[in-house]
């Protein structure tokens, strides 16, 4: 059985073939270089974007944990907590706490489904709806700033490759999941 060593990129400097090394090229057999891990890189990019966005939306009284819920409700108001939990990819108990805070903050209301009282439908309040035109441009700006480091071609390639990686896991993109949700009636 071979033993793996785990290293940082700094510990592997000088082992690669040059500045053009692709991720993983600096690792020797049986060696894992943390900064070359796809998971590490994607996570760091996502955290950087989330931190930048959190700074932008904080003045409006919206926390980053509430952001994705608002986005999906702006796309389709009245979704169930369970559907939101799946779309946002967080555990149901965490979604319950997030919705509790959003109710407290006046962003959403919880309404029992008229045909199945076990289901809670989440609806935007007037305040929650009104934030869309203020906050969506901030997301566009944060994304544009991050993607501005790439050429237009690189940006398209990055998006295409990320979607391809998600498809390979059996996890479809959020828009696919949203369009596949069952239709429901929103009480007047």
C-alpha atoms as a PDB file:
ATOM      1  CA  UNK A   1       0.000   0.000   0.000  1.00  0.00           C
ATOM      2  CA  UNK A   2       1.453   3.342  -0.985  1.00  0.00           C
ATOM      3  CA  UNK A   3       1.477   6.266   1.368  1.00  0.00           C
ATOM      4  CA  UNK A   4       0.335   9.665   0.291  1.00  0.00           C
ATOM      5  CA  UNK A   5       1.932  12.898   1.376  1.00  0.00           C
ATOM      6  CA  UNK A   6      -0.036  16.113   1.543  1.00  0.00           C
ATOM      7  CA  UNK A   7       1.761  19.352   0.800  1.00  0.00           C
ATOM      8  CA  UNK A   8       1.121  22.995   0.098  1.00  0.00           C
ATOM      9  CA  UNK A   9       2.290  24.523  -3.162  1.00  0.00           C
ATOM     10  CA  UNK A  10       5.052  26.401  -1.312  1.00  0.00           C
ATOM     11  CA  UNK A  11       6.468  23.060  -0.179  1.00  0.00           C
ATOM     12  CA  UNK A  12       6.594  21.809  -3.781  1.00  0.00           C
ATOM     13  CA  UNK A  13       8.207  24.904  -5.359  1.00  0.00           C
ATOM     14  CA  UNK A  14      10.951  24.018  -7.809  1.00  0.00           C
ATOM     15  CA  UNK A  15       9.591  20.544  -8.518  1.00  0.00           C
ATOM     16  CA  UNK A  16       7.435  21.541 -11.510  1.00  0.00           C
ATOM     17  CA  UNK A  17       8.351  22.187 -15.097  1.00  0.00           C
ATOM     18  CA  UNK A  18       7.814  25.962 -15.012  1.00  0.00           C
ATOM     19  CA  UNK A  19       5.263  28.751 -14.620  1.00  0.00           C
ATOM     20  CA  UNK A  20       2.915  27.128 -17.117  1.00  0.00           C
ATOM     21  CA  UNK A  21       2.358  24.034 -14.985  1.00  0.00           C
ATOM     22  CA  UNK A  22      -1.220  22.883 -14.855  1.00  0.00           C
ATOM     23  CA  UNK A  23      -2.769  22.093 -11.473  1.00  0.00           C
ATOM     24  CA  UNK A  24      -1.391  18.801 -10.312  1.00  0.00           C
ATOM     25  CA  UNK A  25       1.757  19.062 -12.461  1.00  0.00           C
ATOM     26  CA  UNK A  26       3.901  19.998  -9.468  1.00  0.00           C
ATOM     27  CA  UNK A  27       2.849  16.933  -7.485  1.00  0.00           C
ATOM     28  CA  UNK A  28       5.027  13.883  -7.438  1.00  0.00           C
ATOM     29  CA  UNK A  29       3.400  10.430  -7.524  1.00  0.00           C
ATOM     30  CA  UNK A  30       1.741   9.800  -4.169  1.00  0.00           C
ATOM     31  CA  UNK A  31       1.711  13.507  -3.346  1.00  0.00           C
ATOM     32  CA  UNK A  32      -1.384  15.687  -3.000  1.00  0.00           C
ATOM     33  CA  UNK A  33      -0.855  19.450  -3.403  1.00  0.00           C
ATOM     34  CA  UNK A  34      -3.685  21.201  -1.597  1.00  0.00           C
ATOM     35  CA  UNK A  35      -3.802  24.338  -3.774  1.00  0.00           C
ATOM     36  CA  UNK A  36      -4.028  22.226  -6.928  1.00  0.00           C
ATOM     37  CA  UNK A  37      -7.182  20.431  -5.779  1.00  0.00           C
ATOM     38  CA  UNK A  38     -10.271  21.287  -7.837  1.00  0.00           C
ATOM     39  CA  UNK A  39     -12.400  21.258  -4.689  1.00  0.00           C
ATOM     40  CA  UNK A  40     -10.050  23.630  -2.920  1.00  0.00           C
ATOM     41  CA  UNK A  41      -9.918  26.035  -5.874  1.00  0.00           C
ATOM     42  CA  UNK A  42     -13.681  26.073  -6.524  1.00  0.00           C
ATOM     43  CA  UNK A  43     -14.380  26.493  -2.815  1.00  0.00           C
ATOM     44  CA  UNK A  44     -11.955  29.418  -2.527  1.00  0.00           C
ATOM     45  CA  UNK A  45     -13.456  31.156  -5.566  1.00  0.00           C
ATOM     46  CA  UNK A  46     -16.990  30.631  -4.226  1.00  0.00           C
ATOM     47  CA  UNK A  47     -16.002  31.983  -0.803  1.00  0.00           C
ATOM     48  CA  UNK A  48     -14.348  35.018  -2.355  1.00  0.00           C
ATOM     49  CA  UNK A  49     -17.456  35.797  -4.401  1.00  0.00           C
ATOM     50  CA  UNK A  50     -19.691  35.250  -1.344  1.00  0.00           C
ATOM     51  CA  UNK A  51     -17.560  37.591   0.792  1.00  0.00           C
ATOM     52  CA  UNK A  52     -17.646  40.305  -1.862  1.00  0.00           C
ATOM     53  CA  UNK A  53     -21.393  39.921  -2.313  1.00  0.00           C
ATOM     54  CA  UNK A  54     -22.016  39.892   1.455  1.00  0.00           C
ATOM     55  CA  UNK A  55     -20.337  43.300   1.701  1.00  0.00           C
ATOM     56  CA  UNK A  56     -22.553  44.647  -1.082  1.00  0.00           C
ATOM     57  CA  UNK A  57     -25.896  43.385   0.260  1.00  0.00           C
ATOM     58  CA  UNK A  58     -25.267  43.944   3.984  1.00  0.00           C
ATOM     59  CA  UNK A  59     -26.417  47.617   3.912  1.00  0.00           C
ATOM     60  CA  UNK A  60     -29.840  46.402   2.727  1.00  0.00           C
ATOM     61  CA  UNK A  61     -30.134  44.186   5.814  1.00  0.00           C
ATOM     62  CA  UNK A  62     -29.752  40.930   3.881  1.00  0.00           C
ATOM     63  CA  UNK A  63     -27.338  38.246   5.052  1.00  0.00           C
ATOM     64  CA  UNK A  64     -25.463  36.104   2.549  1.00  0.00           C
ATOM     65  CA  UNK A  65     -27.302  33.007   3.825  1.00  0.00           C
ATOM     66  CA  UNK A  66     -30.589  34.632   2.825  1.00  0.00           C
ATOM     67  CA  UNK A  67     -29.393  35.659  -0.615  1.00  0.00           C
ATOM     68  CA  UNK A  68     -29.961  32.430  -2.542  1.00  0.00           C
ATOM     69  CA  UNK A  69     -33.420  32.041  -0.994  1.00  0.00           C
ATOM     70  CA  UNK A  70     -34.339  35.518  -2.213  1.00  0.00           C
ATOM     71  CA  UNK A  71     -33.005  34.760  -5.695  1.00  0.00           C
ATOM     72  CA  UNK A  72     -35.124  31.639  -6.063  1.00  0.00           C
ATOM     73  CA  UNK A  73     -38.196  33.350  -4.638  1.00  0.00           C
ATOM     74  CA  UNK A  74     -37.745  36.236  -7.071  1.00  0.00           C
ATOM     75  CA  UNK A  75     -37.767  33.598  -9.802  1.00  0.00           C
ATOM     76  CA  UNK A  76     -40.775  31.720  -8.383  1.00  0.00           C
ATOM     77  CA  UNK A  77     -42.523  33.093  -5.330  1.00  0.00           C
ATOM     78  CA  UNK A  78     -44.400  30.654  -3.118  1.00  0.00           C
ATOM     79  CA  UNK A  79     -42.030  27.689  -3.264  1.00  0.00           C
ATOM     80  CA  UNK A  80     -42.062  25.164  -0.445  1.00  0.00           C
ATOM     81  CA  UNK A  81     -39.341  25.055   2.189  1.00  0.00           C
ATOM     82  CA  UNK A  82     -38.392  21.597   0.909  1.00  0.00           C
ATOM     83  CA  UNK A  83     -37.970  22.843  -2.674  1.00  0.00           C
ATOM     84  CA  UNK A  84     -35.904  25.803  -1.481  1.00  0.00           C
ATOM     85  CA  UNK A  85     -33.741  23.492   0.597  1.00  0.00           C
ATOM     86  CA  UNK A  86     -32.997  21.322  -2.458  1.00  0.00           C
ATOM     87  CA  UNK A  87     -32.362  24.274  -4.776  1.00  0.00           C
ATOM     88  CA  UNK A  88     -30.116  26.160  -2.369  1.00  0.00           C
ATOM     89  CA  UNK A  89     -28.387  22.883  -1.437  1.00  0.00           C
ATOM     90  CA  UNK A  90     -28.657  23.265   2.315  1.00  0.00           C
ATOM     91  CA  UNK A  91     -30.050  20.858   4.867  1.00  0.00           C
ATOM     92  CA  UNK A  92     -33.750  21.263   5.776  1.00  0.00           C
ATOM     93  CA  UNK A  93     -33.068  22.289   9.418  1.00  0.00           C
ATOM     94  CA  UNK A  94     -30.733  25.035   8.193  1.00  0.00           C
ATOM     95  CA  UNK A  95     -33.391  26.188   5.730  1.00  0.00           C
ATOM     96  CA  UNK A  96     -35.951  26.359   8.548  1.00  0.00           C
ATOM     97  CA  UNK A  97     -33.621  28.617  10.582  1.00  0.00           C
ATOM     98  CA  UNK A  98     -32.864  30.754   7.517  1.00  0.00           C
ATOM     99  CA  UNK A  99     -36.577  31.196   6.783  1.00  0.00           C
ATOM    100  CA  UNK A 100     -37.207  31.978  10.487  1.00  0.00           C
ATOM    101  CA  UNK A 101     -34.664  34.826  10.272  1.00  0.00           C
ATOM    102  CA  UNK A 102     -36.143  36.043   6.990  1.00  0.00           C
ATOM    103  CA  UNK A 103     -39.626  36.119   8.541  1.00  0.00           C
ATOM    104  CA  UNK A 104     -38.196  38.018  11.535  1.00  0.00           C
ATOM    105  CA  UNK A 105     -36.473  40.468   9.135  1.00  0.00           C
ATOM    106  CA  UNK A 106     -39.690  41.067   7.186  1.00  0.00           C
ATOM    107  CA  UNK A 107     -38.441  39.531   3.926  1.00  0.00           C
ATOM    108  CA  UNK A 108     -40.829  36.562   3.636  1.00  0.00           C
ATOM    109  CA  UNK A 109     -43.926  34.990   5.144  1.00  0.00           C
ATOM    110  CA  UNK A 110     -44.747  31.315   5.686  1.00  0.00           C
ATOM    111  CA  UNK A 111     -48.172  30.185   4.525  1.00  0.00           C
ATOM    112  CA  UNK A 112     -49.584  26.674   4.807  1.00  0.00           C
ATOM    113  CA  UNK A 113     -50.232  25.100   1.419  1.00  0.00           C
ATOM    114  CA  UNK A 114     -54.010  25.218   0.792  1.00  0.00           C
ATOM    115  CA  UNK A 115     -54.088  21.614  -0.458  1.00  0.00           C
ATOM    116  CA  UNK A 116     -51.542  20.084   1.942  1.00  0.00           C
ATOM    117  CA  UNK A 117     -51.172  21.669   5.367  1.00  0.00           C
ATOM    118  CA  UNK A 118     -47.907  19.796   5.981  1.00  0.00           C
ATOM    119  CA  UNK A 119     -46.236  21.966   3.348  1.00  0.00           C
ATOM    120  CA  UNK A 120     -45.165  25.532   4.100  1.00  0.00           C
ATOM    121  CA  UNK A 121     -45.075  27.907   1.158  1.00  0.00           C
ATOM    122  CA  UNK A 122     -42.632  30.787   1.386  1.00  0.00           C
ATOM    123  CA  UNK A 123     -43.806  34.097  -0.048  1.00  0.00           C
ATOM    124  CA  UNK A 124     -41.963  37.348  -0.450  1.00  0.00           C
ATOM    125  CA  UNK A 125     -43.210  40.345   1.483  1.00  0.00           C
ATOM    126  CA  UNK A 126     -43.419  43.753  -0.182  1.00  0.00           C
ATOM    127  CA  UNK A 127     -40.018  44.497   1.372  1.00  0.00           C
ATOM    128  CA  UNK A 128     -38.537  41.234   0.046  1.00  0.00           C
ATOM    129  CA  UNK A 129     -39.885  41.937  -3.434  1.00  0.00           C
ATOM    130  CA  UNK A 130     -38.679  45.553  -3.396  1.00  0.00           C
ATOM    131  CA  UNK A 131     -35.058  44.552  -2.771  1.00  0.00           C
ATOM    132  CA  UNK A 132     -34.732  42.728  -6.103  1.00  0.00           C
ATOM    133  CA  UNK A 133     -33.972  45.784  -8.239  1.00  0.00           C
ATOM    134  CA  UNK A 134     -31.515  47.106  -5.649  1.00  0.00           C
ATOM    135  CA  UNK A 135     -29.613  43.865  -5.003  1.00  0.00           C
ATOM    136  CA  UNK A 136     -29.531  41.969  -8.306  1.00  0.00           C
ATOM    137  CA  UNK A 137     -27.321  44.639  -9.938  1.00  0.00           C
ATOM    138  CA  UNK A 138     -24.883  44.190  -7.049  1.00  0.00           C
ATOM    139  CA  UNK A 139     -24.610  40.487  -7.900  1.00  0.00           C
ATOM    140  CA  UNK A 140     -24.109  41.314 -11.549  1.00  0.00           C
ATOM    141  CA  UNK A 141     -21.317  43.704 -10.564  1.00  0.00           C
ATOM    142  CA  UNK A 142     -19.570  41.180  -8.260  1.00  0.00           C
ATOM    143  CA  UNK A 143     -19.746  38.501 -10.965  1.00  0.00           C
ATOM    144  CA  UNK A 144     -18.500  40.937 -13.618  1.00  0.00           C
ATOM    145  CA  UNK A 145     -15.600  41.983 -11.394  1.00  0.00           C
ATOM    146  CA  UNK A 146     -14.543  38.374 -10.838  1.00  0.00           C
ATOM    147  CA  UNK A 147     -14.996  37.389 -14.482  1.00  0.00           C
ATOM    148  CA  UNK A 148     -13.270  40.610 -15.599  1.00  0.00           C
ATOM    149  CA  UNK A 149      -9.999  38.849 -14.789  1.00  0.00           C
ATOM    150  CA  UNK A 150     -10.728  36.481 -17.690  1.00  0.00           C
ATOM    151  CA  UNK A 151     -11.168  37.044 -21.394  1.00  0.00           C
ATOM    152  CA  UNK A 152     -14.674  36.673 -22.826  1.00  0.00           C
ATOM    153  CA  UNK A 153     -13.668  33.313 -24.268  1.00  0.00           C
ATOM    154  CA  UNK A 154     -12.209  32.139 -20.948  1.00  0.00           C
ATOM    155  CA  UNK A 155     -15.355  33.238 -19.129  1.00  0.00           C
ATOM    156  CA  UNK A 156     -17.609  31.263 -21.503  1.00  0.00           C
ATOM    157  CA  UNK A 157     -15.310  28.249 -21.233  1.00  0.00           C
ATOM    158  CA  UNK A 158     -15.278  28.417 -17.438  1.00  0.00           C
ATOM    159  CA  UNK A 159     -19.076  28.492 -17.244  1.00  0.00           C
ATOM    160  CA  UNK A 160     -19.408  25.676 -19.768  1.00  0.00           C
ATOM    161  CA  UNK A 161     -16.890  23.508 -17.918  1.00  0.00           C
ATOM    162  CA  UNK A 162     -18.461  24.123 -14.504  1.00  0.00           C
ATOM    163  CA  UNK A 163     -21.890  23.141 -15.851  1.00  0.00           C
ATOM    164  CA  UNK A 164     -20.327  20.066 -17.433  1.00  0.00           C
ATOM    165  CA  UNK A 165     -18.766  19.068 -14.109  1.00  0.00           C
ATOM    166  CA  UNK A 166     -22.133  19.457 -12.373  1.00  0.00           C
ATOM    167  CA  UNK A 167     -23.856  17.367 -15.030  1.00  0.00           C
ATOM    168  CA  UNK A 168     -21.266  14.636 -14.526  1.00  0.00           C
ATOM    169  CA  UNK A 169     -22.282  14.343 -10.871  1.00  0.00           C
ATOM    170  CA  UNK A 170     -25.963  13.916 -11.636  1.00  0.00           C
ATOM    171  CA  UNK A 171     -26.546  17.369 -10.139  1.00  0.00           C
ATOM    172  CA  UNK A 172     -28.267  19.592 -12.662  1.00  0.00           C
ATOM    173  CA  UNK A 173     -28.001  23.341 -12.707  1.00  0.00           C
ATOM    174  CA  UNK A 174     -30.336  25.287 -10.464  1.00  0.00           C
ATOM    175  CA  UNK A 175     -32.315  26.636 -13.402  1.00  0.00           C
ATOM    176  CA  UNK A 176     -32.991  23.084 -14.580  1.00  0.00           C
ATOM    177  CA  UNK A 177     -34.181  22.156 -11.103  1.00  0.00           C
ATOM    178  CA  UNK A 178     -36.349  25.262 -10.884  1.00  0.00           C
ATOM    179  CA  UNK A 179     -38.069  24.573 -14.195  1.00  0.00           C
ATOM    180  CA  UNK A 180     -38.748  20.978 -13.149  1.00  0.00           C
ATOM    181  CA  UNK A 181     -40.512  21.900  -9.924  1.00  0.00           C
ATOM    182  CA  UNK A 182     -44.206  21.081  -9.865  1.00  0.00           C
ATOM    183  CA  UNK A 183     -46.483  24.015 -10.487  1.00  0.00           C
ATOM    184  CA  UNK A 184     -48.561  25.146  -7.555  1.00  0.00           C
ATOM    185  CA  UNK A 185     -51.289  27.612  -6.921  1.00  0.00           C
ATOM    186  CA  UNK A 186     -50.400  30.730  -5.045  1.00  0.00           C
ATOM    187  CA  UNK A 187     -53.246  31.902  -2.825  1.00  0.00           C
ATOM    188  CA  UNK A 188     -54.582  35.347  -3.708  1.00  0.00           C
END
